[in-house]
Protein backbone atom coordinates (compact mmCIF):
# COMPACT_ATOMS: atom_id res chain seq x y z
CA MET A 1 10.54 -0.51 -15.44
CA LYS A 2 12.84 -2.30 -12.99
CA LYS A 3 11.59 -5.51 -11.37
CA ARG A 4 12.14 -6.92 -7.89
CA ILE A 5 11.53 -10.34 -6.36
CA PHE A 6 8.47 -10.36 -4.12
CA GLY A 7 9.72 -12.36 -1.16
CA ARG A 8 9.34 -16.13 -1.14
CA THR A 9 6.66 -16.01 -3.81
CA ASN A 10 9.49 -15.43 -6.31
CA TRP A 11 7.21 -13.17 -8.37
CA GLU A 12 9.03 -10.55 -10.39
CA VAL A 13 6.99 -7.41 -9.80
CA SER A 14 7.44 -3.82 -10.92
CA GLU A 15 9.17 -1.77 -8.25
CA ILE A 16 6.61 0.98 -8.92
CA GLY A 17 3.21 -0.53 -8.29
CA TYR A 18 -0.24 1.02 -8.45
CA GLY A 19 -2.33 1.95 -5.40
CA MET A 20 -6.04 1.99 -6.34
CA TRP A 21 -7.63 3.53 -3.24
CA GLY A 22 -8.22 6.94 -4.79
CA MET A 23 -10.46 5.64 -7.57
CA GLY A 24 -12.72 3.56 -5.32
CA GLY A 25 -15.42 6.19 -4.92
CA TRP A 26 -15.37 7.63 -8.42
CA LYS A 27 -18.29 7.67 -10.86
CA GLU A 28 -18.64 6.68 -14.50
CA SER A 29 -16.96 9.74 -16.04
CA ASP A 30 -14.05 9.50 -13.62
CA ASP A 31 -13.83 5.75 -14.22
CA LEU A 32 -12.87 6.54 -17.81
CA LEU A 33 -9.93 8.58 -16.50
CA SER A 34 -9.04 5.75 -14.14
CA ALA A 35 -9.07 3.24 -16.98
CA GLN A 36 -6.82 5.46 -19.08
CA SER A 37 -4.35 5.84 -16.22
CA LEU A 38 -4.38 2.11 -15.50
CA ASP A 39 -3.80 1.27 -19.17
CA LEU A 40 -0.96 3.76 -19.35
CA ALA A 41 0.64 2.19 -16.29
CA VAL A 42 0.55 -1.23 -17.94
CA GLU A 43 2.11 0.24 -21.09
CA HIS A 44 4.95 1.60 -18.94
CA GLY A 45 5.64 -1.74 -17.28
CA VAL A 46 3.65 -1.56 -14.03
CA THR A 47 2.67 -5.13 -13.07
CA PHE A 48 1.56 -4.87 -9.42
CA PHE A 49 -1.88 -3.49 -8.60
CA ASP A 50 -3.18 -3.10 -5.05
CA THR A 51 -6.85 -2.61 -4.27
CA ALA A 52 -9.37 -3.58 -1.56
CA TRP A 53 -13.03 -4.38 -1.20
CA GLY A 54 -13.25 -1.35 1.07
CA TYR A 55 -12.33 0.98 -1.80
CA GLY A 56 -15.86 1.77 -2.89
CA GLU A 57 -17.39 -1.53 -1.70
CA GLY A 58 -15.74 -3.44 -4.50
CA HIS A 59 -15.75 -0.64 -7.09
CA SER A 60 -11.96 -0.39 -7.26
CA GLU A 61 -11.71 -4.19 -7.50
CA ARG A 62 -14.08 -4.18 -10.46
CA LEU A 63 -11.93 -1.56 -12.20
CA LEU A 64 -8.96 -3.87 -11.74
CA GLY A 65 -10.97 -6.78 -13.11
CA GLU A 66 -11.74 -4.75 -16.22
CA LEU A 67 -8.04 -3.90 -16.59
CA LEU A 68 -7.13 -7.59 -16.49
CA LYS A 69 -9.69 -8.29 -19.20
CA ARG A 70 -8.21 -5.56 -21.42
CA HIS A 71 -4.67 -6.92 -21.04
CA PRO A 72 -4.88 -10.73 -21.11
CA GLN A 73 -1.41 -10.97 -22.64
CA ASN A 74 0.24 -9.30 -19.61
CA LYS A 75 0.96 -10.96 -16.28
CA LEU A 76 -0.46 -8.41 -13.86
CA TYR A 77 -0.19 -9.24 -10.17
CA THR A 78 -3.38 -8.67 -8.21
CA ALA A 79 -3.54 -7.74 -4.53
CA SER A 80 -6.64 -6.93 -2.52
CA LYS A 81 -7.76 -6.77 1.10
CA ILE A 82 -10.48 -8.24 3.27
CA PRO A 83 -12.27 -5.57 5.32
CA PRO A 84 -12.70 -6.23 9.04
CA ARG A 85 -16.12 -7.57 9.91
CA ASN A 86 -16.79 -4.62 12.20
CA PHE A 87 -15.69 -2.22 9.43
CA LYS A 88 -13.51 -0.28 11.85
CA TRP A 89 -10.11 1.11 10.83
CA PRO A 90 -7.56 0.71 12.30
CA ALA A 91 -7.69 -2.47 14.38
CA LYS A 92 -7.37 -2.16 18.14
CA SER A 93 -6.34 -4.71 20.73
CA SER A 94 -9.82 -4.40 22.24
CA TYR A 95 -11.39 -5.81 19.05
CA PRO A 96 -11.69 -9.60 19.30
CA LEU A 97 -10.72 -11.69 16.29
CA ASP A 98 -14.33 -12.88 16.02
CA GLU A 99 -15.46 -9.27 15.48
CA SER A 100 -12.80 -8.64 12.85
CA TYR A 101 -11.84 -11.76 10.91
CA PRO A 102 -13.87 -14.87 11.73
CA SER A 103 -13.33 -17.68 9.24
CA GLU A 104 -16.67 -17.33 7.49
CA HIS A 105 -16.02 -13.61 6.95
CA ILE A 106 -12.57 -14.27 5.44
CA LEU A 107 -14.10 -16.78 3.04
CA GLU A 108 -17.07 -14.58 2.15
CA TYR A 109 -14.99 -11.55 1.20
CA THR A 110 -12.38 -13.58 -0.62
CA HIS A 111 -15.16 -14.89 -2.85
CA LYS A 112 -16.57 -11.36 -3.29
CA THR A 113 -13.17 -10.13 -4.38
CA LEU A 114 -12.67 -12.99 -6.83
CA LYS A 115 -16.07 -12.24 -8.34
CA ASN A 116 -15.21 -8.55 -8.71
CA LEU A 117 -11.87 -9.40 -10.32
CA ARG A 118 -13.41 -12.12 -12.49
CA LEU A 119 -10.69 -14.50 -11.37
CA GLU A 120 -10.47 -18.00 -9.95
CA GLN A 121 -7.37 -17.06 -7.95
CA ILE A 122 -5.99 -13.79 -6.62
CA ASP A 123 -2.24 -13.48 -6.27
CA LEU A 124 -2.22 -11.75 -2.88
CA MET A 125 -5.05 -11.42 -0.39
CA GLN A 126 -4.43 -9.30 2.70
CA PHE A 127 -6.04 -8.52 6.03
CA HIS A 128 -6.92 -4.83 5.73
CA THR A 129 -6.31 -4.28 9.45
CA TRP A 130 -4.33 -6.22 11.99
CA ASP A 131 -3.62 -6.57 15.69
CA ASP A 132 -1.02 -9.03 16.90
CA SER A 133 -3.24 -10.20 19.75
CA TRP A 134 -4.84 -12.40 17.06
CA ALA A 135 -1.58 -13.81 15.74
CA GLU A 136 -1.59 -17.21 17.41
CA ARG A 137 -5.27 -17.98 16.90
CA GLU A 138 -5.62 -21.13 14.82
CA GLU A 139 -8.90 -20.15 13.17
CA TRP A 140 -7.49 -17.59 10.76
CA GLN A 141 -4.37 -19.66 10.18
CA ARG A 142 -6.38 -22.70 9.10
CA THR A 143 -8.61 -20.57 6.90
CA VAL A 144 -5.58 -19.09 5.12
CA GLU A 145 -4.14 -22.56 4.62
CA ASP A 146 -7.46 -23.78 3.20
CA LEU A 147 -7.67 -20.84 0.78
CA LYS A 148 -4.18 -21.58 -0.48
CA ALA A 149 -4.85 -25.31 -0.76
CA SER A 150 -8.06 -24.69 -2.72
CA GLY A 151 -6.26 -22.36 -5.11
CA LYS A 152 -8.34 -19.30 -4.24
CA ILE A 153 -5.29 -17.32 -3.14
CA ALA A 154 -1.63 -17.73 -4.01
CA ALA A 155 -0.30 -15.77 -1.03
CA MET A 156 -1.52 -14.02 2.12
CA GLY A 157 -0.48 -10.71 3.59
CA ILE A 158 -1.14 -8.13 6.29
CA SER A 159 -1.70 -4.41 5.86
CA MET A 160 -0.11 -2.90 8.97
CA ASN A 161 -1.92 -0.22 10.96
CA ARG A 162 -0.65 3.32 10.46
CA TRP A 163 2.48 4.05 12.51
CA GLU A 164 2.50 0.54 14.05
CA PRO A 165 5.12 -1.28 11.95
CA GLU A 166 5.83 -3.81 14.70
CA ASN A 167 2.17 -4.73 15.36
CA GLY A 168 2.31 -7.82 13.17
CA ILE A 169 5.71 -9.24 13.98
CA THR A 170 4.22 -12.26 15.79
CA ALA A 171 1.93 -13.00 12.85
CA LEU A 172 4.87 -13.03 10.45
CA LYS A 173 6.61 -15.62 12.61
CA THR A 174 3.68 -18.04 12.23
CA GLY A 175 4.75 -18.78 8.66
CA CYS A 176 1.22 -18.10 7.37
CA ILE A 177 2.00 -14.61 6.06
CA ASP A 178 3.88 -14.05 2.80
CA ALA A 179 3.79 -10.25 2.55
CA VAL A 180 3.36 -7.06 4.55
CA GLN A 181 2.05 -3.70 3.46
CA VAL A 182 3.38 -0.89 5.61
CA ILE A 183 3.69 2.89 5.54
CA TYR A 184 7.27 3.71 4.59
CA ASN A 185 8.56 7.05 3.30
CA ILE A 186 11.02 9.83 4.12
CA PHE A 187 9.16 10.63 7.33
CA ASP A 188 8.08 7.11 8.28
CA GLN A 189 11.35 5.19 8.52
CA ALA A 190 10.46 3.12 11.60
CA PRO A 191 9.90 -0.12 9.60
CA GLU A 192 13.68 -0.25 9.15
CA ASP A 193 14.18 -0.93 12.87
CA VAL A 194 12.56 -4.35 13.36
CA LEU A 195 10.10 -5.12 10.57
CA PHE A 196 12.41 -4.98 7.56
CA PRO A 197 15.17 -7.10 9.10
CA LEU A 198 12.59 -9.78 9.97
CA CYS A 199 11.15 -9.64 6.45
CA GLU A 200 14.62 -10.22 5.06
CA GLU A 201 15.16 -13.12 7.45
CA LEU A 202 11.82 -14.77 6.60
CA ASN A 203 11.88 -13.74 2.91
CA ILE A 204 8.60 -11.85 3.14
CA GLY A 205 7.50 -9.46 0.40
CA VAL A 206 7.28 -5.78 1.37
CA ILE A 207 4.79 -3.30 -0.09
CA ALA A 208 5.63 0.31 0.83
CA ARG A 209 2.40 2.28 0.94
CA VAL A 210 1.71 6.01 1.42
CA PRO A 211 4.98 7.00 -0.27
CA PHE A 212 3.95 10.66 -0.29
CA ASP A 213 2.63 10.83 3.30
CA GLU A 214 -0.93 11.30 1.98
CA GLY A 215 0.29 14.20 -0.15
CA THR A 216 2.68 16.06 2.15
CA LEU A 217 5.72 14.71 0.30
CA THR A 218 4.46 15.84 -3.08
CA GLY A 219 5.13 19.38 -1.92
CA ASN A 220 1.59 20.41 -2.79
CA ILE A 221 0.15 20.64 0.74
CA THR A 222 0.68 23.78 2.80
CA LYS A 223 -0.63 25.09 6.09
CA ASP A 224 -3.38 26.87 4.15
CA THR A 225 -4.56 23.85 2.17
CA VAL A 226 -8.34 23.29 2.29
CA PHE A 227 -9.66 19.98 1.00
CA PRO A 228 -12.93 19.59 -0.94
CA LYS A 229 -15.98 18.54 1.03
CA GLY A 230 -16.05 14.77 1.37
CA ASP A 231 -12.32 14.37 0.69
CA TRP A 232 -10.91 11.87 3.21
CA ARG A 233 -7.81 13.99 3.67
CA GLY A 234 -9.95 16.64 5.31
CA SER A 235 -10.48 14.36 8.31
CA TYR A 236 -6.86 13.23 8.35
CA PHE A 237 -5.15 16.59 7.96
CA VAL A 238 -6.78 18.18 10.98
CA PRO A 239 -4.92 21.30 12.17
CA GLU A 240 -2.75 19.37 14.65
CA ASN A 241 -1.56 17.21 11.73
CA LEU A 242 -1.67 19.63 8.79
CA ILE A 243 0.50 22.31 10.36
CA PRO A 244 3.42 20.12 11.52
CA SER A 245 3.24 18.09 8.29
CA ALA A 246 3.50 21.23 6.17
CA GLU A 247 6.32 22.56 8.35
CA LYS A 248 8.32 19.36 7.93
CA ALA A 249 7.71 19.39 4.18
CA ASP A 250 9.00 22.96 4.07
CA LEU A 251 12.28 21.75 5.58
CA LEU A 252 12.69 19.36 2.65
CA ARG A 253 12.15 21.93 -0.11
CA PRO A 254 15.75 23.26 -0.11
CA LEU A 255 17.02 19.68 -0.49
CA VAL A 256 15.17 18.86 -3.72
CA PRO A 257 17.78 18.67 -6.50
CA GLU A 258 17.44 20.95 -9.50
CA GLY A 259 15.24 19.38 -12.15
CA MET A 260 13.60 17.01 -9.64
CA THR A 261 10.26 17.29 -7.85
CA MET A 262 9.76 16.51 -4.19
CA ALA A 263 7.55 13.57 -5.19
CA GLU A 264 10.32 12.11 -7.34
CA MET A 265 12.80 12.53 -4.49
CA ALA A 266 10.37 10.77 -2.14
CA LEU A 267 9.97 7.77 -4.46
CA ARG A 268 13.69 7.50 -5.11
CA PHE A 269 14.32 7.50 -1.35
CA ILE A 270 12.03 4.46 -0.97
CA LEU A 271 13.55 2.62 -3.94
CA MET A 272 17.01 2.88 -2.40
CA ASN A 273 15.87 0.40 0.26
CA LYS A 274 16.25 -3.03 -1.34
CA THR A 275 14.03 -4.69 1.27
CA VAL A 276 11.09 -2.97 -0.42
CA SER A 277 9.60 -5.19 -3.12
CA THR A 278 7.30 -2.52 -4.56
CA THR A 279 5.81 0.84 -3.63
CA ILE A 280 2.23 1.77 -4.51
CA PRO A 281 1.60 5.47 -5.15
CA GLY A 282 -1.93 6.44 -6.08
CA MET A 283 -2.04 7.48 -9.74
CA ARG A 284 -5.50 8.69 -10.72
CA LYS A 285 -4.27 10.83 -13.62
CA ALA A 286 -2.04 10.11 -16.59
CA ARG A 287 0.48 12.77 -15.60
CA ASN A 288 0.96 11.06 -12.24
CA VAL A 289 1.59 7.74 -13.95
CA ARG A 290 4.22 9.24 -16.25
CA ALA A 291 5.95 11.08 -13.41
CA ASN A 292 6.05 8.09 -11.07
CA VAL A 293 7.12 5.36 -13.48
CA GLN A 294 10.08 7.38 -14.72
CA THR A 295 11.70 7.04 -11.28
CA SER A 296 12.25 3.34 -12.02
CA ASP A 297 15.43 3.87 -13.99
CA GLY A 298 18.00 2.39 -11.63
CA LYS A 299 19.42 5.80 -10.71
CA ALA A 300 20.01 6.34 -7.01
CA LEU A 301 19.89 9.60 -5.13
CA PRO A 302 23.30 11.07 -4.30
CA GLN A 303 24.47 9.34 -1.11
CA SER A 304 24.90 12.68 0.67
CA LEU A 305 21.27 13.58 -0.08
CA PHE A 306 20.06 10.15 0.99
CA GLU A 307 21.84 10.49 4.34
CA GLU A 308 20.42 13.98 4.82
CA LEU A 309 16.89 12.70 4.14
CA ARG A 310 17.37 10.02 6.78
CA ASN A 311 17.70 12.86 9.31
CA HIS A 312 14.09 13.84 8.54
CA ARG A 313 12.65 10.72 10.15
CA TRP A 314 9.46 11.54 12.05
CA ASP A 315 8.26 8.99 14.59
CA ARG A 316 4.53 9.37 15.29
CA GLU A 317 2.06 7.61 17.52
CA PRO A 318 -1.47 6.59 16.39
CA THR A 319 -4.14 9.10 17.36
CA SER A 320 -7.89 9.53 16.88
CA TRP A 321 -7.28 11.14 13.48
CA SER A 322 -4.47 8.90 12.21
CA GLN A 323 -6.98 6.32 10.90
């Protein structure tokens, strides 16, 4: 597993991290599968694990806490997120800071997360939503400074709203934010325009989330895909999203090199951007862990393929279903 420096924190983290959203709502039997996949990831050198209180109201955090207990000899970097007080995703400019992240709420959920993780300090705490209209408010800034000074958090980050990679730029310039989590993949290349150059300038860690475009870039979603009842993707891949997503994935199929899957190509595309500190695919099953970690071998895509993939950039605007 290759390592990268996580911004000004100077942490050496695995370039393939672990996104724990998918296991947040699982039950006991599935938790056993989750534990096996998490253990396997550690065995293969994964050191960065991203969760959130919102993933099963702390369930995913508790799974991470159990992982830490099973591997006390390994330095595993922990990242979680504070849900907005109004529990509305994504943030909107019409939501006041006091309805989303008042100081007492930030403190309350930081303590809940620490309890779930069984830790005195979390490496990275993040705002699970963000709107830059809040950026210059001193309340959240002072609270973040207090959490760092008290040793409850080592670093603070922002999880950017879907398809809004520049809605957070002002916050980064305050100096209070050490990391950003943003959607970045073959389709979503917009962070390269403004966000990534600023992160390089300010030495801010970058977490690339949704590397497979919620499944489109695995090659497993087609126009005829029907999701199980209760699956979140059913509300995201509404017809006006599913059809164009599948069509754009179809255009990529002829480009996948022999012996490579579309998912591997998607991860290797992300890893070719050195501004990215780590990417966090969801890996609920052992086979996903094995497939994803093997992309961290230092081998780049052919430059001609990389340039061709850049032509598949897809700029989208947030909608009622983009969530």
